Amino acid sequence: MNSTSQDETRIDDLAEVFRVMGDANRLRILVLVLDRPRPVADIAAAAGLSQSLVSHNLGRLRASRLVSAERRGKQVFYVAADQHVRTVLRDMLEHIGEVDRPGPPLGQA
């Protein structure tokens, strides 16, 4: 595989990760598990979502390697998969907080 096709594959993979993160419910879940492992019931209560919807979305997040899971007795706890995921989300949360910052309109530099 040449570097151009490798680059295209990486861009396709990255686009898929952003598609997964593009769902508001999945973003809520990711933010809730950024700093500490939480069980599905806690995530559902904090997000205001059903446990089945949270479980479904956690499956998508796990498949995209954005969260990891750890079984503790009868419960499974979920947490952001690694520092890369935490950094991207924290940076974007900070970025959206800059909306009122003076500067050129979006799309103009």
C-alpha atoms as a PDB file:
ATOM      1  CA  MET A   1       0.000   0.000   0.000  1.00  0.00           C
ATOM      2  CA  ASN A   2       1.487   3.367  -0.976  1.00  0.00           C
ATOM      3  CA  SER A   3       1.510   6.398   1.301  1.00  0.00           C
ATOM      4  CA  THR A   4      -1.350   8.114  -0.549  1.00  0.00           C
ATOM      5  CA  SER A   5      -3.686   5.180  -0.014  1.00  0.00           C
ATOM      6  CA  GLN A   6      -2.498   4.879   3.603  1.00  0.00           C
ATOM      7  CA  ASP A   7      -3.269   8.560   4.121  1.00  0.00           C
ATOM      8  CA  GLU A   8      -6.721   8.090   2.572  1.00  0.00           C
ATOM      9  CA  THR A   9      -7.385   5.112   4.846  1.00  0.00           C
ATOM     10  CA  ARG A  10      -6.358   7.121   7.907  1.00  0.00           C
ATOM     11  CA  ILE A  11      -8.583  10.014   6.850  1.00  0.00           C
ATOM     12  CA  ASP A  12     -11.502   7.622   6.330  1.00  0.00           C
ATOM     13  CA  ASP A  13     -10.865   6.109   9.770  1.00  0.00           C
ATOM     14  CA  LEU A  14     -10.689   9.578  11.334  1.00  0.00           C
ATOM     15  CA  ALA A  15     -13.925  10.613   9.598  1.00  0.00           C
ATOM     16  CA  GLU A  16     -15.631   7.541  11.058  1.00  0.00           C
ATOM     17  CA  VAL A  17     -14.462   8.431  14.581  1.00  0.00           C
ATOM     18  CA  PHE A  18     -15.823  11.954  14.141  1.00  0.00           C
ATOM     19  CA  ARG A  19     -19.120  10.528  12.818  1.00  0.00           C
ATOM     20  CA  VAL A  20     -19.415   8.440  15.979  1.00  0.00           C
ATOM     21  CA  MET A  21     -18.630  11.488  18.127  1.00  0.00           C
ATOM     22  CA  GLY A  22     -21.044  13.604  16.059  1.00  0.00           C
ATOM     23  CA  ASP A  23     -24.049  12.241  17.928  1.00  0.00           C
ATOM     24  CA  ALA A  24     -25.077  14.492  20.843  1.00  0.00           C
ATOM     25  CA  ASN A  25     -25.976  11.551  23.102  1.00  0.00           C
ATOM     26  CA  ARG A  26     -22.611   9.893  22.532  1.00  0.00           C
ATOM     27  CA  LEU A  27     -20.840  13.192  23.254  1.00  0.00           C
ATOM     28  CA  ARG A  28     -22.802  13.526  26.500  1.00  0.00           C
ATOM     29  CA  ILE A  29     -21.706  10.038  27.459  1.00  0.00           C
ATOM     30  CA  LEU A  30     -18.070  10.732  26.559  1.00  0.00           C
ATOM     31  CA  VAL A  31     -18.002  13.895  28.639  1.00  0.00           C
ATOM     32  CA  LEU A  32     -19.489  12.016  31.595  1.00  0.00           C
ATOM     33  CA  VAL A  33     -16.745   9.367  31.481  1.00  0.00           C
ATOM     34  CA  LEU A  34     -13.793  11.668  30.764  1.00  0.00           C
ATOM     35  CA  ASP A  35     -12.304  11.640  34.233  1.00  0.00           C
ATOM     36  CA  ARG A  36     -13.602   8.595  36.027  1.00  0.00           C
ATOM     37  CA  PRO A  37     -15.125   5.211  35.319  1.00  0.00           C
ATOM     38  CA  ARG A  38     -18.902   5.107  35.660  1.00  0.00           C
ATOM     39  CA  PRO A  39     -21.466   2.302  35.403  1.00  0.00           C
ATOM     40  CA  VAL A  40     -24.263   2.419  32.837  1.00  0.00           C
ATOM     41  CA  ALA A  41     -26.936   3.294  35.420  1.00  0.00           C
ATOM     42  CA  ASP A  42     -24.969   6.348  36.614  1.00  0.00           C
ATOM     43  CA  ILE A  43     -24.284   7.488  33.050  1.00  0.00           C
ATOM     44  CA  ALA A  44     -27.958   7.086  32.123  1.00  0.00           C
ATOM     45  CA  ALA A  45     -29.145   9.052  35.161  1.00  0.00           C
ATOM     46  CA  ALA A  46     -26.639  11.868  34.640  1.00  0.00           C
ATOM     47  CA  ALA A  47     -27.365  12.103  30.904  1.00  0.00           C
ATOM     48  CA  GLY A  48     -31.132  11.787  31.265  1.00  0.00           C
ATOM     49  CA  LEU A  49     -31.168   8.802  28.900  1.00  0.00           C
ATOM     50  CA  SER A  50     -32.485   5.268  29.191  1.00  0.00           C
ATOM     51  CA  GLN A  51     -30.021   2.563  30.189  1.00  0.00           C
ATOM     52  CA  SER A  52     -30.684   0.702  26.940  1.00  0.00           C
ATOM     53  CA  LEU A  53     -29.869   3.797  24.856  1.00  0.00           C
ATOM     54  CA  VAL A  54     -26.708   4.384  26.884  1.00  0.00           C
ATOM     55  CA  SER A  55     -25.668   0.741  26.467  1.00  0.00           C
ATOM     56  CA  HIS A  56     -26.245   0.906  22.716  1.00  0.00           C
ATOM     57  CA  ASN A  57     -24.183   4.087  22.411  1.00  0.00           C
ATOM     58  CA  LEU A  58     -21.419   2.713  24.632  1.00  0.00           C
ATOM     59  CA  GLY A  59     -21.176  -0.198  22.211  1.00  0.00           C
ATOM     60  CA  ARG A  60     -20.566   2.224  19.340  1.00  0.00           C
ATOM     61  CA  LEU A  61     -18.038   4.155  21.420  1.00  0.00           C
ATOM     62  CA  ARG A  62     -16.201   0.952  22.375  1.00  0.00           C
ATOM     63  CA  ALA A  63     -16.133  -0.219  18.757  1.00  0.00           C
ATOM     64  CA  SER A  64     -14.468   3.078  17.851  1.00  0.00           C
ATOM     65  CA  ARG A  65     -12.027   2.705  20.771  1.00  0.00           C
ATOM     66  CA  LEU A  66     -13.233   5.913  22.408  1.00  0.00           C
ATOM     67  CA  VAL A  67     -14.171   4.257  25.710  1.00  0.00           C
ATOM     68  CA  SER A  68     -12.918   1.203  27.528  1.00  0.00           C
ATOM     69  CA  ALA A  69     -14.802  -1.039  29.908  1.00  0.00           C
ATOM     70  CA  GLU A  70     -13.900  -2.774  33.139  1.00  0.00           C
ATOM     71  CA  ARG A  71     -16.077  -5.302  34.929  1.00  0.00           C
ATOM     72  CA  ARG A  72     -16.365  -4.860  38.683  1.00  0.00           C
ATOM     73  CA  GLY A  73     -18.529  -7.575  40.107  1.00  0.00           C
ATOM     74  CA  LYS A  74     -21.863  -7.426  38.303  1.00  0.00           C
ATOM     75  CA  GLN A  75     -21.355  -3.930  36.920  1.00  0.00           C
ATOM     76  CA  VAL A  76     -19.359  -2.709  33.950  1.00  0.00           C
ATOM     77  CA  PHE A  77     -17.660   0.658  34.341  1.00  0.00           C
ATOM     78  CA  TYR A  78     -16.822   2.807  31.331  1.00  0.00           C
ATOM     79  CA  VAL A  79     -14.166   5.489  30.997  1.00  0.00           C
ATOM     80  CA  ALA A  80     -12.550   7.476  28.183  1.00  0.00           C
ATOM     81  CA  ALA A  81     -10.188   5.081  26.445  1.00  0.00           C
ATOM     82  CA  ASP A  82      -7.002   7.104  26.797  1.00  0.00           C
ATOM     83  CA  GLN A  83      -5.410  10.518  27.133  1.00  0.00           C
ATOM     84  CA  HIS A  84      -5.843  11.213  23.392  1.00  0.00           C
ATOM     85  CA  VAL A  85      -9.628  11.003  23.715  1.00  0.00           C
ATOM     86  CA  ARG A  86      -9.618  13.160  26.851  1.00  0.00           C
ATOM     87  CA  THR A  87      -7.392  15.777  25.214  1.00  0.00           C
ATOM     88  CA  VAL A  88      -9.474  16.050  22.036  1.00  0.00           C
ATOM     89  CA  LEU A  89     -12.703  16.449  23.984  1.00  0.00           C
ATOM     90  CA  ARG A  90     -11.291  18.919  26.506  1.00  0.00           C
ATOM     91  CA  ASP A  91      -9.702  20.981  23.732  1.00  0.00           C
ATOM     92  CA  MET A  92     -12.968  21.114  21.789  1.00  0.00           C
ATOM     93  CA  LEU A  93     -14.943  22.030  24.924  1.00  0.00           C
ATOM     94  CA  GLU A  94     -12.480  24.849  25.496  1.00  0.00           C
ATOM     95  CA  HIS A  95     -12.724  25.874  21.845  1.00  0.00           C
ATOM     96  CA  ILE A  96     -16.517  26.216  21.895  1.00  0.00           C
ATOM     97  CA  GLY A  97     -16.145  28.388  24.975  1.00  0.00           C
ATOM     98  CA  GLU A  98     -14.211  30.851  22.814  1.00  0.00           C
ATOM     99  CA  VAL A  99     -17.250  31.766  20.719  1.00  0.00           C
ATOM    100  CA  ASP A 100     -17.395  35.274  22.190  1.00  0.00           C
ATOM    101  CA  ARG A 101     -13.688  35.848  21.675  1.00  0.00           C
ATOM    102  CA  PRO A 102     -12.989  38.733  19.256  1.00  0.00           C
ATOM    103  CA  GLY A 103     -11.697  37.712  15.866  1.00  0.00           C
ATOM    104  CA  PRO A 104     -12.673  37.274  12.243  1.00  0.00           C
ATOM    105  CA  PRO A 105     -16.017  35.627  11.437  1.00  0.00           C
ATOM    106  CA  LEU A 106     -15.930  31.874  10.989  1.00  0.00           C
ATOM    107  CA  GLY A 107     -14.495  30.896   7.631  1.00  0.00           C
ATOM    108  CA  GLN A 108     -12.512  34.121   7.282  1.00  0.00           C
ATOM    109  CA  ALA A 109      -8.911  34.449   8.335  1.00  0.00           C
END
